[in-house]
């Protein structure tokens, strides 16, 4: 799931370069973009997703102003958060049918990891929903997705403001560690409740002669952050230098 937190600079959604840079990651090579109908659909999809995450952001701000506290703000945006994060599953379909030139496997991993955290952890373990760690990753995701979907929308329209491009390749420096911290702390907070309830675990004996320990599975996911986080983070640092330096050079020649 650490890969999911990297979406500030690693997802692709119709602008020709896959998830590792949304166009710029392919360097000097330029891939043929989607056709007119596919482009129109992708623009609508990205506009809707941008609006959806803006709704989540506004909901967080309104709930905070009403309560005067940042505790338990998750409940104020639970439904739109589940809806729009689950809606990202369409990105896997986009890759599968070829309107987005991204890896189906990588896209599936990144999208499903977030969906997993929303449904299999936060939704399933009610006790963690009031944890501050949930708000931590929700805020990181919200800012990330507003920037990301805006980036794709303007890129598809061939009118990308530099500010959005800069934000996409800069704010992850803070948002990525923030999101990863929130995800890890949320899973850690869920562990005792998962163990106590035996959530999603299958014990022997059973007719399938199969066992599964969801508690141990969550621990393995947390451990997986150790090798994944540094690799993705430094990859994005490299992408930032590459993309923004290329932009600055381009401006000098204009």
Protein backbone atom coordinates (compact mmCIF):
# COMPACT_ATOMS: atom_id res chain seq x y z
CA UNK A 1 0.00 0.00 0.00
CA UNK A 2 2.93 2.32 0.17
CA UNK A 3 2.68 2.54 -3.60
CA UNK A 4 -0.77 3.97 -3.28
CA UNK A 5 0.50 6.87 -1.29
CA UNK A 6 2.77 7.78 -4.14
CA UNK A 7 -0.01 8.86 -6.42
CA UNK A 8 1.02 12.49 -6.24
CA UNK A 9 3.58 11.70 -8.90
CA UNK A 10 3.16 8.12 -10.05
CA UNK A 11 -0.31 7.54 -11.48
CA UNK A 12 -1.31 7.84 -15.09
CA UNK A 13 -4.80 8.46 -16.37
CA UNK A 14 -4.92 9.29 -20.02
CA UNK A 15 -2.14 11.71 -20.76
CA UNK A 16 0.22 9.36 -22.47
CA UNK A 17 2.96 8.25 -20.13
CA UNK A 18 1.76 5.72 -17.62
CA UNK A 19 1.83 6.07 -13.88
CA UNK A 20 5.46 6.94 -13.52
CA UNK A 21 5.11 10.51 -14.68
CA UNK A 22 1.94 10.90 -16.75
CA UNK A 23 3.66 11.74 -20.00
CA UNK A 24 6.99 13.10 -18.88
CA UNK A 25 8.10 9.72 -17.52
CA UNK A 26 8.57 8.36 -21.01
CA UNK A 27 11.24 11.00 -21.62
CA UNK A 28 11.68 12.11 -25.17
CA UNK A 29 9.44 9.35 -26.51
CA UNK A 30 5.90 10.47 -27.25
CA UNK A 31 3.13 7.94 -27.40
CA UNK A 32 0.02 8.36 -29.46
CA UNK A 33 -2.78 9.70 -27.30
CA UNK A 34 -6.34 8.37 -27.05
CA UNK A 35 -8.85 9.04 -29.82
CA UNK A 36 -11.42 11.87 -29.69
CA UNK A 37 -14.14 9.81 -27.97
CA UNK A 38 -11.73 8.32 -25.46
CA UNK A 39 -10.25 11.75 -24.78
CA UNK A 40 -13.72 13.23 -24.20
CA UNK A 41 -14.57 10.39 -21.81
CA UNK A 42 -11.27 10.75 -19.93
CA UNK A 43 -11.76 14.50 -19.58
CA UNK A 44 -15.24 13.94 -18.13
CA UNK A 45 -13.93 11.20 -15.81
CA UNK A 46 -11.09 13.37 -14.52
CA UNK A 47 -13.35 16.41 -14.08
CA UNK A 48 -15.83 14.32 -12.08
CA UNK A 49 -13.06 12.86 -9.93
CA UNK A 50 -11.55 16.30 -9.33
CA UNK A 51 -14.97 17.58 -8.27
CA UNK A 52 -15.48 14.55 -6.04
CA UNK A 53 -12.27 15.08 -4.13
CA UNK A 54 -13.06 18.78 -3.88
CA UNK A 55 -16.36 17.79 -2.23
CA UNK A 56 -14.35 15.73 0.26
CA UNK A 57 -12.02 18.66 0.94
CA UNK A 58 -14.93 21.06 1.48
CA UNK A 59 -16.63 18.49 3.71
CA UNK A 60 -13.54 18.25 5.90
CA UNK A 61 -13.27 22.03 6.23
CA UNK A 62 -16.98 22.48 6.99
CA UNK A 63 -16.95 19.70 9.60
CA UNK A 64 -13.87 21.20 11.25
CA UNK A 65 -15.44 24.68 11.38
CA UNK A 66 -18.67 23.24 12.79
CA UNK A 67 -16.98 21.09 15.45
CA UNK A 68 -14.02 23.27 16.21
CA UNK A 69 -11.94 20.09 16.39
CA UNK A 70 -10.16 17.83 13.92
CA UNK A 71 -11.08 14.67 15.83
CA UNK A 72 -13.44 12.18 14.14
CA UNK A 73 -13.80 14.21 10.94
CA UNK A 74 -13.82 10.94 8.99
CA UNK A 75 -17.54 10.48 9.61
CA UNK A 76 -18.35 13.74 7.80
CA UNK A 77 -16.79 12.55 4.53
CA UNK A 78 -17.08 8.77 4.83
CA UNK A 79 -19.60 8.25 2.00
CA UNK A 80 -17.98 10.45 -0.67
CA UNK A 81 -14.55 9.12 0.28
CA UNK A 82 -15.65 5.52 -0.26
CA UNK A 83 -17.49 6.39 -3.47
CA UNK A 84 -14.73 8.35 -5.22
CA UNK A 85 -11.86 6.18 -4.03
CA UNK A 86 -13.72 3.09 -5.21
CA UNK A 87 -14.42 4.94 -8.46
CA UNK A 88 -10.68 4.85 -9.12
CA UNK A 89 -11.15 1.17 -10.00
CA UNK A 90 -12.16 2.43 -13.45
CA UNK A 91 -8.52 3.38 -13.97
CA UNK A 92 -7.69 -0.33 -14.13
CA UNK A 93 -10.28 -0.70 -16.88
CA UNK A 94 -8.81 2.29 -18.72
CA UNK A 95 -5.46 0.52 -18.85
CA UNK A 96 -6.96 -2.85 -19.73
CA UNK A 97 -8.81 -1.53 -22.80
CA UNK A 98 -5.87 0.58 -23.90
CA UNK A 99 -7.17 4.14 -23.65
CA UNK A 100 -4.49 4.81 -21.04
CA UNK A 101 -0.96 3.54 -21.81
CA UNK A 102 -0.19 2.34 -18.29
CA UNK A 103 0.65 -1.03 -16.79
CA UNK A 104 -2.49 -2.91 -15.78
CA UNK A 105 -0.57 -4.74 -13.05
CA UNK A 106 0.97 -1.62 -11.51
CA UNK A 107 -2.27 0.34 -11.80
CA UNK A 108 -4.21 -2.52 -10.19
CA UNK A 109 -1.73 -2.69 -7.32
CA UNK A 110 -1.85 1.03 -6.65
CA UNK A 111 -5.63 1.39 -6.87
CA UNK A 112 -6.49 -1.82 -5.03
CA UNK A 113 -4.15 -0.96 -2.17
CA UNK A 114 -6.14 2.18 -1.42
CA UNK A 115 -9.46 0.43 -1.87
CA UNK A 116 -8.19 -2.24 0.52
CA UNK A 117 -7.32 0.34 3.17
CA UNK A 118 -10.71 2.02 2.84
CA UNK A 119 -12.89 -1.12 2.89
CA UNK A 120 -10.88 -3.94 4.50
CA UNK A 121 -9.36 -1.82 7.25
CA UNK A 122 -11.11 1.49 7.91
CA UNK A 123 -14.64 0.34 7.03
CA UNK A 124 -14.31 -3.12 8.55
CA UNK A 125 -12.69 -2.06 11.83
CA UNK A 126 -15.07 0.59 13.13
CA UNK A 127 -12.87 1.29 16.15
CA UNK A 128 -10.16 2.94 14.03
CA UNK A 129 -12.47 5.40 12.28
CA UNK A 130 -12.03 7.95 15.05
CA UNK A 131 -8.24 7.68 15.00
CA UNK A 132 -6.31 10.79 14.00
CA UNK A 133 -4.21 8.62 11.68
CA UNK A 134 -7.24 8.18 9.41
CA UNK A 135 -7.53 11.94 9.01
CA UNK A 136 -3.81 12.03 8.24
CA UNK A 137 -4.04 9.80 5.17
CA UNK A 138 -7.41 11.25 4.12
CA UNK A 139 -5.96 14.77 3.98
CA UNK A 140 -2.89 13.54 2.09
CA UNK A 141 -5.03 11.61 -0.40
CA UNK A 142 -7.46 14.50 -0.87
CA UNK A 143 -4.82 17.09 -1.74
CA UNK A 144 -2.98 14.56 -3.91
CA UNK A 145 -6.06 13.59 -5.92
CA UNK A 146 -7.29 17.13 -6.49
CA UNK A 147 -3.90 17.98 -7.97
CA UNK A 148 -3.57 14.69 -9.87
CA UNK A 149 -6.96 14.73 -11.57
CA UNK A 150 -6.61 18.43 -12.36
CA UNK A 151 -3.23 17.67 -13.92
CA UNK A 152 -4.73 14.98 -16.15
CA UNK A 153 -7.70 17.14 -17.14
CA UNK A 154 -5.58 20.07 -18.27
CA UNK A 155 -3.03 17.75 -19.92
CA UNK A 156 -5.77 16.10 -21.98
CA UNK A 157 -6.93 19.56 -23.03
CA UNK A 158 -3.33 20.49 -23.92
CA UNK A 159 -3.42 23.45 -21.57
CA UNK A 160 -1.48 22.58 -18.43
CA UNK A 161 -0.80 25.51 -16.05
CA UNK A 162 2.73 25.44 -14.64
CA UNK A 163 1.39 25.83 -11.08
CA UNK A 164 -0.49 22.52 -11.29
CA UNK A 165 2.52 20.80 -12.84
CA UNK A 166 4.76 22.20 -10.11
CA UNK A 167 2.35 21.14 -7.38
CA UNK A 168 2.09 17.61 -8.78
CA UNK A 169 5.84 17.14 -8.75
CA UNK A 170 6.57 19.01 -5.51
CA UNK A 171 3.89 18.56 -2.85
CA UNK A 172 4.44 14.79 -2.74
CA UNK A 173 7.62 15.59 -0.78
CA UNK A 174 5.34 16.21 2.20
CA UNK A 175 2.16 14.37 1.18
CA UNK A 176 3.78 10.99 0.52
CA UNK A 177 5.35 10.56 4.00
CA UNK A 178 2.18 12.01 5.52
CA UNK A 179 -0.05 9.51 3.70
CA UNK A 180 2.22 6.55 4.43
CA UNK A 181 2.36 7.48 8.13
CA UNK A 182 -1.43 7.68 8.31
CA UNK A 183 -1.86 4.34 6.54
CA UNK A 184 0.66 2.54 8.77
CA UNK A 185 -0.72 4.02 11.98
CA UNK A 186 -4.28 3.11 10.96
CA UNK A 187 -3.34 -0.51 10.22
CA UNK A 188 -1.40 -0.68 13.48
CA UNK A 189 -4.41 0.65 15.40
CA UNK A 190 -6.61 -1.98 13.74
CA UNK A 191 -4.40 -4.95 14.68
CA UNK A 192 -5.71 -5.65 18.20
CA UNK A 193 -9.34 -5.48 17.05
CA UNK A 194 -8.64 -7.72 14.07
CA UNK A 195 -6.97 -10.27 16.34
CA UNK A 196 -9.70 -10.16 18.95
CA UNK A 197 -12.54 -10.59 16.45
CA UNK A 198 -10.67 -12.97 14.14
CA UNK A 199 -11.73 -10.68 11.30
CA UNK A 200 -11.53 -12.26 7.82
CA UNK A 201 -9.49 -15.14 9.25
CA UNK A 202 -10.10 -18.78 8.35
CA UNK A 203 -9.16 -21.46 10.85
CA UNK A 204 -8.52 -25.14 10.42
CA UNK A 205 -10.09 -27.62 10.24
CA UNK A 206 -12.43 -26.84 7.36
CA UNK A 207 -13.57 -28.67 4.22
CA UNK A 208 -11.15 -26.73 2.04
CA UNK A 209 -8.16 -27.55 4.29
CA UNK A 210 -7.15 -23.91 4.06
CA UNK A 211 -6.31 -21.33 6.72
CA UNK A 212 -5.79 -17.59 6.57
CA UNK A 213 -4.69 -15.20 9.30
CA UNK A 214 -5.77 -11.66 8.46
CA UNK A 215 -3.87 -10.32 11.47
CA UNK A 216 -0.58 -11.72 10.12
CA UNK A 217 -1.52 -10.52 6.63
CA UNK A 218 -1.84 -6.92 7.86
CA UNK A 219 1.54 -7.17 9.57
CA UNK A 220 3.12 -8.40 6.32
CA UNK A 221 1.60 -5.45 4.46
CA UNK A 222 3.06 -3.05 7.03
CA UNK A 223 6.48 -4.67 6.69
CA UNK A 224 6.28 -4.31 2.90
CA UNK A 225 6.40 -0.53 3.34
CA UNK A 226 10.05 -0.80 4.43
CA UNK A 227 11.50 -1.67 0.99
CA UNK A 228 8.78 0.01 -1.10
CA UNK A 229 8.64 3.47 0.48
CA UNK A 230 12.28 4.56 -0.12
CA UNK A 231 12.30 3.25 -3.70
CA UNK A 232 9.15 5.10 -4.70
CA UNK A 233 10.07 8.25 -2.83
CA UNK A 234 13.50 8.62 -4.43
CA UNK A 235 12.06 7.66 -7.82
CA UNK A 236 9.65 10.56 -7.50
CA UNK A 237 12.46 12.90 -6.44
CA UNK A 238 14.28 11.89 -9.63
CA UNK A 239 11.12 12.45 -11.70
CA UNK A 240 10.68 15.88 -10.16
CA UNK A 241 14.16 16.97 -11.13
CA UNK A 242 13.73 15.56 -14.62
CA UNK A 243 10.32 17.09 -15.33
CA UNK A 244 10.73 20.49 -13.71
CA UNK A 245 14.25 21.04 -15.02
CA UNK A 246 12.99 20.18 -18.52
CA UNK A 247 10.22 22.75 -18.07
CA UNK A 248 12.68 25.43 -16.99
CA UNK A 249 14.92 24.73 -19.99
CA UNK A 250 11.91 24.95 -22.28
CA UNK A 251 10.98 28.34 -20.84
CA UNK A 252 14.47 29.68 -21.52
CA UNK A 253 14.13 28.88 -25.21
CA UNK A 254 10.73 30.55 -25.50
